[in-house]
PDB file of N, CA and C in Angstrom:
ATOM      1  N   MET A   1      57.113 109.561  83.210  1.00  0.00           N
ATOM      2  CA  MET A   1      56.761 110.583  82.345  1.00  0.00           C
ATOM      3  C   MET A   1      55.648 110.124  81.443  1.00  0.00           C
ATOM      4  N   ALA A   2      55.905 108.868  80.884  1.00  0.00           N
ATOM      5  CA  ALA A   2      55.276 108.511  79.919  1.00  0.00           C
ATOM      6  C   ALA A   2      53.531 108.113  80.506  1.00  0.00           C
ATOM      7  N   LYS A   3      53.504 107.889  81.659  1.00  0.00           N
ATOM      8  CA  LYS A   3      52.274 107.785  81.947  1.00  0.00           C
ATOM      9  C   LYS A   3      51.572 108.974  82.773  1.00  0.00           C
ATOM     10  N   GLY A   4      52.007 110.069  82.611  1.00  0.00           N
ATOM     11  CA  GLY A   4      51.526 111.252  83.097  1.00  0.00           C
ATOM     12  C   GLY A   4      51.705 111.677  84.319  1.00  0.00           C
ATOM     13  N   TYR A   5      52.659 110.799  85.169  1.00  0.00           N
ATOM     14  CA  TYR A   5      52.987 110.907  86.645  1.00  0.00           C
ATOM     15  C   TYR A   5      53.709 112.076  87.013  1.00  0.00           C
ATOM     16  N   LEU A   6      54.667 112.501  86.123  1.00  0.00           N
ATOM     17  CA  LEU A   6      55.687 113.740  86.096  1.00  0.00           C
ATOM     18  C   LEU A   6      55.474 114.747  85.021  1.00  0.00           C
ATOM     19  N   GLU A   7      55.828 115.819  85.391  1.00  0.00           N
ATOM     20  CA  GLU A   7      55.870 116.685  84.284  1.00  0.00           C
ATOM     21  C   GLU A   7      57.084 116.613  83.347  1.00  0.00           C
ATOM     22  N   PRO A   8      57.150 116.970  82.240  1.00  0.00           N
ATOM     23  CA  PRO A   8      58.369 116.858  81.515  1.00  0.00           C
ATOM     24  C   PRO A   8      59.457 117.662  81.816  1.00  0.00           C
ATOM     25  N   ALA A   9      59.225 118.946  82.215  1.00  0.00           N
ATOM     26  CA  ALA A   9      60.246 119.692  82.795  1.00  0.00           C
ATOM     27  C   ALA A   9      60.985 119.042  84.140  1.00  0.00           C
ATOM     28  N   LEU A  10      60.217 118.599  85.104  1.00  0.00           N
ATOM     29  CA  LEU A  10      60.500 117.882  86.151  1.00  0.00           C
ATOM     30  C   LEU A  10      61.535 116.653  85.699  1.00  0.00           C
ATOM     31  N   PHE A  11      60.979 116.006  85.073  1.00  0.00           N
ATOM     32  CA  PHE A  11      61.766 114.586  84.549  1.00  0.00           C
ATOM     33  C   PHE A  11      62.862 115.066  83.821  1.00  0.00           C
ATOM     34  N   ASN A  12      63.175 116.231  82.834  1.00  0.00           N
ATOM     35  CA  ASN A  12      64.372 116.333  82.380  1.00  0.00           C
ATOM     36  C   ASN A  12      65.416 116.818  83.377  1.00  0.00           C
ATOM     37  N   ARG A  13      64.902 117.757  84.246  1.00  0.00           N
ATOM     38  CA  ARG A  13      65.706 118.180  85.126  1.00  0.00           C
ATOM     39  C   ARG A  13      66.560 117.347  86.073  1.00  0.00           C
ATOM     40  N   GLU A  14      65.534 116.171  86.529  1.00  0.00           N
ATOM     41  CA  GLU A  14      66.041 115.221  87.504  1.00  0.00           C
ATOM     42  C   GLU A  14      66.911 114.083  86.705  1.00  0.00           C
ATOM     43  N   ASN A  15      66.398 113.844  85.343  1.00  0.00           N
ATOM     44  CA  ASN A  15      67.212 113.145  84.409  1.00  0.00           C
ATOM     45  C   ASN A  15      68.659 113.741  84.255  1.00  0.00           C
ATOM     46  N   ASN A  16      68.737 114.792  84.054  1.00  0.00           N
ATOM     47  CA  ASN A  16      70.071 115.555  83.825  1.00  0.00           C
ATOM     48  C   ASN A  16      71.084 115.550  85.067  1.00  0.00           C
ATOM     49  N   GLU A  17      70.207 115.675  86.216  1.00  0.00           N
ATOM     50  CA  GLU A  17      71.077 115.607  87.599  1.00  0.00           C
ATOM     51  C   GLU A  17      71.544 114.287  87.549  1.00  0.00           C
ATOM     52  N   LEU A  18      70.720 113.523  87.564  1.00  0.00           N
ATOM     53  CA  LEU A  18      71.328 111.897  87.686  1.00  0.00           C
ATOM     54  C   LEU A  18      72.280 111.317  86.348  1.00  0.00           C
ATOM     55  N   GLN A  19      72.132 112.046  85.401  1.00  0.00           N
ATOM     56  CA  GLN A  19      73.280 111.802  84.429  1.00  0.00           C
ATOM     57  C   GLN A  19      74.584 112.336  84.593  1.00  0.00           C
ATOM     58  N   MET A  20      74.563 113.633  85.194  1.00  0.00           N
ATOM     59  CA  MET A  20      75.702 114.383  85.524  1.00  0.00           C
ATOM     60  C   MET A  20      76.108 113.478  86.787  1.00  0.00           C
ATOM     61  N   GLU A  21      75.574 113.089  87.623  1.00  0.00           N
ATOM     62  CA  GLU A  21      75.908 112.241  88.576  1.00  0.00           C
ATOM     63  C   GLU A  21      76.584 111.098  88.505  1.00  0.00           C
ATOM     64  N   ALA A  22      75.955 110.295  87.429  1.00  0.00           N
ATOM     65  CA  ALA A  22      76.363 109.242  86.856  1.00  0.00           C
ATOM     66  C   ALA A  22      77.791 109.280  86.388  1.00  0.00           C
ATOM     67  N   ASP A  23      77.990 110.387  85.716  1.00  0.00           N
ATOM     68  CA  ASP A  23      79.230 110.544  84.939  1.00  0.00           C
ATOM     69  C   ASP A  23      80.404 110.939  85.694  1.00  0.00           C
ATOM     70  N   ASN A  24      79.966 111.553  87.033  1.00  0.00           N
ATOM     71  CA  ASN A  24      80.797 112.102  88.046  1.00  0.00           C
ATOM     72  C   ASN A  24      81.560 110.803  88.570  1.00  0.00           C
ATOM     73  N   TYR A  25      80.483 109.629  88.913  1.00  0.00           N
ATOM     74  CA  TYR A  25      81.067 108.644  89.377  1.00  0.00           C
ATOM     75  C   TYR A  25      81.823 107.704  88.471  1.00  0.00           C
ATOM     76  N   MET A  26      81.647 107.628  87.001  1.00  0.00           N
ATOM     77  CA  MET A  26      82.452 106.930  86.262  1.00  0.00           C
ATOM     78  C   MET A  26      83.769 107.701  86.156  1.00  0.00           C
ATOM     79  N   GLY A  27      83.860 108.938  86.184  1.00  0.00           N
ATOM     80  CA  GLY A  27      85.247 109.591  86.280  1.00  0.00           C
ATOM     81  C   GLY A  27      85.951 109.273  87.456  1.00  0.00           C
ATOM     82  N   GLN A  28      85.114 109.228  88.641  1.00  0.00           N
ATOM     83  CA  GLN A  28      86.066 108.846  90.187  1.00  0.00           C
ATOM     84  C   GLN A  28      86.447 107.362  89.684  1.00  0.00           C
ATOM     85  N   LYS A  29      85.504 106.602  89.206  1.00  0.00           N
ATOM     86  CA  LYS A  29      85.914 105.100  88.931  1.00  0.00           C
ATOM     87  C   LYS A  29      87.151 104.938  88.154  1.00  0.00           C
ATOM     88  N   GLU A  30      87.183 105.596  87.091  1.00  0.00           N
ATOM     89  CA  GLU A  30      88.395 105.525  86.225  1.00  0.00           C
ATOM     90  C   GLU A  30      89.737 106.172  86.831  1.00  0.00           C
ATOM     91  N   ALA A  31      89.654 107.242  87.659  1.00  0.00           N
ATOM     92  CA  ALA A  31      90.568 107.705  88.555  1.00  0.00           C
ATOM     93  C   ALA A  31      91.099 106.797  89.380  1.00  0.00           C
ATOM     94  N   LEU A  32      90.346 105.939  90.187  1.00  0.00           N
ATOM     95  CA  LEU A  32      90.708 104.950  91.129  1.00  0.00           C
ATOM     96  C   LEU A  32      91.480 103.673  90.126  1.00  0.00           C
ATOM     97  N   ILE A  33      90.844 103.390  89.059  1.00  0.00           N
ATOM     98  CA  ILE A  33      91.440 102.098  88.544  1.00  0.00           C
ATOM     99  C   ILE A  33      92.904 102.769  87.714  1.00  0.00           C
ATOM    100  N   HIS A  34      93.044 103.639  87.632  1.00  0.00           N
ATOM    101  CA  HIS A  34      94.255 104.373  86.935  1.00  0.00           C
ATOM    102  C   HIS A  34      95.441 104.422  88.202  1.00  0.00           C
ATOM    103  N   ALA A  35      94.815 104.818  89.317  1.00  0.00           N
ATOM    104  CA  ALA A  35      95.548 104.914  90.573  1.00  0.00           C
ATOM    105  C   ALA A  35      96.114 103.406  90.989  1.00  0.00           C
ATOM    106  N   LEU A  36      94.945 102.394  90.908  1.00  0.00           N
ATOM    107  CA  LEU A  36      95.518 101.113  91.138  1.00  0.00           C
ATOM    108  C   LEU A  36      96.432 100.478  90.434  1.00  0.00           C
ATOM    109  N   ASN A  37      96.330 100.632  88.948  1.00  0.00           N
ATOM    110  CA  ASN A  37      97.078 100.100  88.135  1.00  0.00           C
ATOM    111  C   ASN A  37      98.500 100.772  88.277  1.00  0.00           C
ATOM    112  N   GLY A  38      98.651 102.067  88.405  1.00  0.00           N
ATOM    113  CA  GLY A  38      99.939 102.490  88.826  1.00  0.00           C
ATOM    114  C   GLY A  38     100.569 102.086  89.959  1.00  0.00           C
ATOM    115  N   GLU A  39      99.846 101.696  91.025  1.00  0.00           N
ATOM    116  CA  GLU A  39     100.672 101.264  92.215  1.00  0.00           C
ATOM    117  C   GLU A  39     101.116  99.925  91.806  1.00  0.00           C
ATOM    118  N   LEU A  40     100.245  98.856  91.265  1.00  0.00           N
ATOM    119  CA  LEU A  40     100.518  97.865  90.845  1.00  0.00           C
ATOM    120  C   LEU A  40     101.838  97.794  89.885  1.00  0.00           C
ATOM    121  N   SER A  41     101.863  98.663  89.133  1.00  0.00           N
ATOM    122  CA  SER A  41     102.894  98.906  88.233  1.00  0.00           C
ATOM    123  C   SER A  41     104.315  99.292  89.125  1.00  0.00           C
ATOM    124  N   LYS A  42     104.281 100.045  89.957  1.00  0.00           N
ATOM    125  CA  LYS A  42     105.362 100.168  90.667  1.00  0.00           C
ATOM    126  C   LYS A  42     105.812  99.175  91.689  1.00  0.00           C
ATOM    127  N   VAL A  43     104.909  98.292  92.101  1.00  0.00           N
ATOM    128  CA  VAL A  43     105.490  97.046  92.694  1.00  0.00           C
ATOM    129  C   VAL A  43     106.052  96.280  91.839  1.00  0.00           C
ATOM    130  N   GLN A  44     105.439  96.041  90.750  1.00  0.00           N
ATOM    131  CA  GLN A  44     106.283  95.194  90.024  1.00  0.00           C
ATOM    132  C   GLN A  44     107.471  95.818  89.473  1.00  0.00           C
ATOM    133  N   GLU A  45     107.667  97.022  89.408  1.00  0.00           N
ATOM    134  CA  GLU A  45     108.895  97.583  89.116  1.00  0.00           C
ATOM    135  C   GLU A  45     110.285  97.516  90.489  1.00  0.00           C
ATOM    136  N   VAL A  46     109.455  97.517  91.729  1.00  0.00           N
ATOM    137  CA  VAL A  46     110.224  97.280  92.781  1.00  0.00           C
ATOM    138  C   VAL A  46     110.624  95.747  92.810  1.00  0.00           C
ATOM    139  N   SER A  47     109.853  95.142  92.455  1.00  0.00           N
ATOM    140  CA  SER A  47     110.262  93.705  92.631  1.00  0.00           C
ATOM    141  C   SER A  47     111.300  93.256  91.240  1.00  0.00           C
ATOM    142  N   ASN A  48     111.279  94.055  90.109  1.00  0.00           N
ATOM    143  CA  ASN A  48     112.270  93.756  89.264  1.00  0.00           C
ATOM    144  C   ASN A  48     113.546  94.382  89.669  1.00  0.00           C
ATOM    145  N   LEU A  49     113.657  95.406  90.405  1.00  0.00           N
ATOM    146  CA  LEU A  49     114.869  96.129  90.917  1.00  0.00           C
ATOM    147  C   LEU A  49     115.453  95.355  91.814  1.00  0.00           C
ATOM    148  N   ILE A  50     114.825  94.695  92.861  1.00  0.00           N
ATOM    149  CA  ILE A  50     115.253  93.785  93.780  1.00  0.00           C
ATOM    150  C   ILE A  50     115.977  92.665  93.190  1.00  0.00           C
ATOM    151  N   LYS A  51     115.219  91.877  92.089  1.00  0.00           N
ATOM    152  CA  LYS A  51     115.624  90.759  91.486  1.00  0.00           C
ATOM    153  C   LYS A  51     117.051  91.201  90.819  1.00  0.00           C
ATOM    154  N   PHE A  52     117.103  92.403  90.006  1.00  0.00           N
ATOM    155  CA  PHE A  52     118.324  92.586  89.534  1.00  0.00           C
ATOM    156  C   PHE A  52     119.417  92.889  90.645  1.00  0.00           C
ATOM    157  N   THR A  53     119.382  93.625  91.757  1.00  0.00           N
ATOM    158  CA  THR A  53     120.248  93.887  92.516  1.00  0.00           C
ATOM    159  C   THR A  53     120.723  92.673  93.459  1.00  0.00           C
ATOM    160  N   ASN A  54     119.877  91.653  93.489  1.00  0.00           N
ATOM    161  CA  ASN A  54     120.224  90.643  94.247  1.00  0.00           C
ATOM    162  C   ASN A  54     121.118  89.595  93.417  1.00  0.00           C
ATOM    163  N   LYS A  55     120.966  89.592  91.930  1.00  0.00           N
ATOM    164  CA  LYS A  55     121.847  88.999  91.324  1.00  0.00           C
ATOM    165  C   LYS A  55     122.858  89.448  90.521  1.00  0.00           C
ATOM    166  N   ALA A  56     122.853  90.773  90.326  1.00  0.00           N
ATOM    167  CA  ALA A  56     123.663  91.492  89.555  1.00  0.00           C
ATOM    168  C   ALA A  56     125.167  91.567  90.152  1.00  0.00           C
ATOM    169  N   GLU A  57     126.166  91.606  89.244  1.00  0.00           N
ATOM    170  CA  GLU A  57     127.653  91.830  89.657  1.00  0.00           C
ATOM    171  C   GLU A  57     128.091  93.428  89.754  1.00  0.00           C
ATOM    172  N   MET A  58     129.037  93.737  90.245  1.00  0.00           N
ATOM    173  CA  MET A  58     129.234  95.193  89.899  1.00  0.00           C
ATOM    174  C   MET A  58     129.456  95.697  88.554  1.00  0.00           C
ATOM    175  N   ILE A  59     128.765  96.794  88.230  1.00  0.00           N
ATOM    176  CA  ILE A  59     128.717  97.167  86.963  1.00  0.00           C
ATOM    177  C   ILE A  59     129.889  98.495  86.979  1.00  0.00           C
ATOM    178  N   ASN A  60     130.901  98.084  85.939  1.00  0.00           N
ATOM    179  CA  ASN A  60     131.908  99.099  85.750  1.00  0.00           C
ATOM    180  C   ASN A  60     131.933 100.090  84.517  1.00  0.00           C
ATOM    181  N   THR A  61     130.804  99.630  83.758  1.00  0.00           N
ATOM    182  CA  THR A  61     130.719 100.308  82.300  1.00  0.00           C
ATOM    183  C   THR A  61     129.017 100.867  81.953  1.00  0.00           C
ATOM    184  N   PHE A  62     128.762 101.810  81.476  1.00  0.00           N
ATOM    185  CA  PHE A  62     127.470 102.031  81.363  1.00  0.00           C
ATOM    186  C   PHE A  62     126.717 101.092  80.255  1.00  0.00           C
ATOM    187  N   ASN A  63     125.684 100.481  80.886  1.00  0.00           N
ATOM    188  CA  ASN A  63     124.652  99.523  79.904  1.00  0.00           C
ATOM    189  C   ASN A  63     123.266 100.143  79.739  1.00  0.00           C
ATOM    190  N   GLU A  64     123.390 100.512  78.630  1.00  0.00           N
ATOM    191  CA  GLU A  64     121.889 101.194  78.070  1.00  0.00           C
ATOM    192  C   GLU A  64     120.738 100.568  78.489  1.00  0.00           C
ATOM    193  N   GLN A  65     120.774  99.077  78.170  1.00  0.00           N
ATOM    194  CA  GLN A  65     119.720  98.403  78.546  1.00  0.00           C
ATOM    195  C   GLN A  65     119.297  98.316  80.119  1.00  0.00           C
ATOM    196  N   ILE A  66     120.205  98.202  80.626  1.00  0.00           N
ATOM    197  CA  ILE A  66     119.781  98.471  82.322  1.00  0.00           C
ATOM    198  C   ILE A  66     119.364  99.570  82.688  1.00  0.00           C
ATOM    199  N   PHE A  67     119.902 100.489  82.168  1.00  0.00           N
ATOM    200  CA  PHE A  67     119.618 101.852  82.418  1.00  0.00           C
ATOM    201  C   PHE A  67     118.008 101.972  82.017  1.00  0.00           C
ATOM    202  N   ASN A  68     117.645 101.831  80.608  1.00  0.00           N
ATOM    203  CA  ASN A  68     116.346 101.926  80.224  1.00  0.00           C
ATOM    204  C   ASN A  68     115.360 101.015  81.066  1.00  0.00           C
ATOM    205  N   ASP A  69     115.909  99.891  81.520  1.00  0.00           N
ATOM    206  CA  ASP A  69     114.969  99.094  82.222  1.00  0.00           C
ATOM    207  C   ASP A  69     114.486  99.625  83.667  1.00  0.00           C
ATOM    208  N   HIS A  70     115.548 100.285  84.309  1.00  0.00           N
ATOM    209  CA  HIS A  70     115.139 100.885  85.519  1.00  0.00           C
ATOM    210  C   HIS A  70     114.859 102.072  85.858  1.00  0.00           C
ATOM    211  N   ILE A  71     115.136 103.094  84.826  1.00  0.00           N
ATOM    212  CA  ILE A  71     115.227 104.463  84.916  1.00  0.00           C
ATOM    213  C   ILE A  71     114.120 105.206  84.077  1.00  0.00           C
ATOM    214  N   GLU A  72     113.285 105.837  84.792  1.00  0.00           N
ATOM    215  CA  GLU A  72     111.928 106.697  84.026  1.00  0.00           C
ATOM    216  C   GLU A  72     112.580 107.719  83.274  1.00  0.00           C
ATOM    217  N   LYS A  73     113.042 108.810  84.281  1.00  0.00           N
ATOM    218  CA  LYS A  73     113.547 109.856  83.516  1.00  0.00           C
ATOM    219  C   LYS A  73     114.720 110.578  84.471  1.00  0.00           C
ATOM    220  N   ILE A  74     115.261 111.527  83.955  1.00  0.00           N
ATOM    221  CA  ILE A  74     116.346 112.364  84.816  1.00  0.00           C
ATOM    222  C   ILE A  74     115.901 113.708  85.049  1.00  0.00           C
ATOM    223  N   ILE A  75     116.029 114.181  86.080  1.00  0.00           N
ATOM    224  CA  ILE A  75     115.714 115.586  86.482  1.00  0.00           C
ATOM    225  C   ILE A  75     116.849 116.440  86.893  1.00  0.00           C
ATOM    226  N   VAL A  76     117.002 117.688  86.285  1.00  0.00           N
ATOM    227  CA  VAL A  76     118.152 118.345  86.661  1.00  0.00           C
ATOM    228  C   VAL A  76     117.838 119.467  87.484  1.00  0.00           C
ATOM    229  N   PHE A  77     118.095 119.313  88.874  1.00  0.00           N
ATOM    230  CA  PHE A  77     117.956 120.530  89.727  1.00  0.00           C
ATOM    231  C   PHE A  77     118.747 121.560  89.769  1.00  0.00           C
ATOM    232  N   SER A  78     120.083 121.409  89.307  1.00  0.00           N
ATOM    233  CA  SER A  78     120.910 122.492  89.488  1.00  0.00           C
ATOM    234  C   SER A  78     122.025 121.955  88.638  1.00  0.00           C
ATOM    235  N   ARG A  79     123.207 123.044  88.384  1.00  0.00           N
ATOM    236  CA  ARG A  79     124.102 122.646  87.512  1.00  0.00           C
ATOM    237  C   ARG A  79     124.827 121.675  88.229  1.00  0.00           C
ATOM    238  N   ALA A  80     124.715 121.417  89.533  1.00  0.00           N
ATOM    239  CA  ALA A  80     125.680 120.650  90.357  1.00  0.00           C
ATOM    240  C   ALA A  80     124.816 119.431  90.620  1.00  0.00           C
ATOM    241  N   GLU A  81     123.541 119.234  90.547  1.00  0.00           N
ATOM    242  CA  GLU A  81     122.829 118.379  91.074  1.00  0.00           C
ATOM    243  C   GLU A  81     121.937 117.800  90.250  1.00  0.00           C
ATOM    244  N   ILE A  82     121.633 116.262  90.038  1.00  0.00           N
ATOM    245  CA  ILE A  82     120.730 115.737  89.191  1.00  0.00           C
ATOM    246  C   ILE A  82     120.067 114.703  89.817  1.00  0.00           C
ATOM    247  N   GLY A  83     118.860 114.267  89.354  1.00  0.00           N
ATOM    248  CA  GLY A  83     117.948 113.202  90.104  1.00  0.00           C
ATOM    249  C   GLY A  83     117.473 112.227  88.963  1.00  0.00           C
ATOM    250  N   PHE A  84     117.765 110.763  89.435  1.00  0.00           N
ATOM    251  CA  PHE A  84     117.422 109.702  88.721  1.00  0.00           C
ATOM    252  C   PHE A  84     116.151 109.439  89.087  1.00  0.00           C
ATOM    253  N   VAL A  85     115.138 109.348  88.385  1.00  0.00           N
ATOM    254  CA  VAL A  85     113.664 108.964  88.814  1.00  0.00           C
ATOM    255  C   VAL A  85     113.420 107.420  88.313  1.00  0.00           C
ATOM    256  N   LEU A  86     113.506 106.504  89.330  1.00  0.00           N
ATOM    257  CA  LEU A  86     113.435 105.234  88.778  1.00  0.00           C
ATOM    258  C   LEU A  86     111.923 104.714  88.462  1.00  0.00           C
ATOM    259  N   LYS A  87     111.693 103.596  87.749  1.00  0.00           N
ATOM    260  CA  LYS A  87     110.201 103.576  87.291  1.00  0.00           C
ATOM    261  C   LYS A  87     109.556 102.781  88.615  1.00  0.00           C
ATOM    262  N   CYS A  88     110.057 102.478  89.844  1.00  0.00           N
ATOM    263  CA  CYS A  88     109.544 102.011  91.059  1.00  0.00           C
ATOM    264  C   CYS A  88     108.953 103.395  91.773  1.00  0.00           C
ATOM    265  N   GLY A  89     109.420 104.653  91.409  1.00  0.00           N
ATOM    266  CA  GLY A  89     108.952 105.915  92.163  1.00  0.00           C
ATOM    267  C   GLY A  89     110.055 106.725  92.999  1.00  0.00           C
ATOM    268  N   ILE A  90     111.053 106.021  93.094  1.00  0.00           N
ATOM    269  CA  ILE A  90     112.108 106.484  94.101  1.00  0.00           C
ATOM    270  C   ILE A  90     113.135 107.605  93.167  1.00  0.00           C
ATOM    271  N   THR A  91     113.337 108.458  93.580  1.00  0.00           N
ATOM    272  CA  THR A  91     114.159 109.533  93.018  1.00  0.00           C
ATOM    273  C   THR A  91     115.626 109.582  93.721  1.00  0.00           C
ATOM    274  N   LEU A  92     116.680 109.192  93.115  1.00  0.00           N
ATOM    275  CA  LEU A  92     117.937 109.103  93.552  1.00  0.00           C
ATOM    276  C   LEU A  92     118.711 110.427  93.109  1.00  0.00           C
ATOM    277  N   ARG A  93     119.264 111.318  94.331  1.00  0.00           N
ATOM    278  CA  ARG A  93     119.807 112.666  93.850  1.00  0.00           C
ATOM    279  C   ARG A  93     121.293 112.511  93.966  1.00  0.00           C
ATOM    280  N   GLU A  94     122.135 112.954  92.737  1.00  0.00           N
ATOM    281  CA  GLU A  94     123.332 112.861  92.505  1.00  0.00           C
ATOM    282  C   GLU A  94     124.249 114.056  92.515  1.00  0.00           C
ATOM    283  N   ARG A  95     125.169 114.447  92.941  1.00  0.00           N
ATOM    284  CA  ARG A  95     126.001 115.589  92.655  1.00  0.00           C
ATOM    285  C   ARG A  95     126.910 115.492  91.620  1.00  0.00           C
ATOM    286  N   MET A  96     127.232 116.150  90.937  1.00  0.00           N
ATOM    287  CA  MET A  96     128.254 116.177  89.811  1.00  0.00           C
ATOM    288  C   MET A  96     129.575 116.710  90.304  1.00  0.00           C
TER     289      MET A  96
END
């Protein structure tokens, strides 16, 4: 545009399209990075759970530290059924 090869209107339109495309690609890149990091985190949580189950003895009382180490959240499905969502992605449904 500076040398007069392109009209300013054409340059601006093409520049805007390229900028929107670049923004779109950056968004896709960030989504992929987030998904990859989430999967790596789940793999690590599975590894932690396997290590714990291999060395742990039977637990007869509630242990808050162990609970917080492995449980992400609790879902209430109904008055008679809840689910424990583990940090590794597994949901364990339990009847009450």
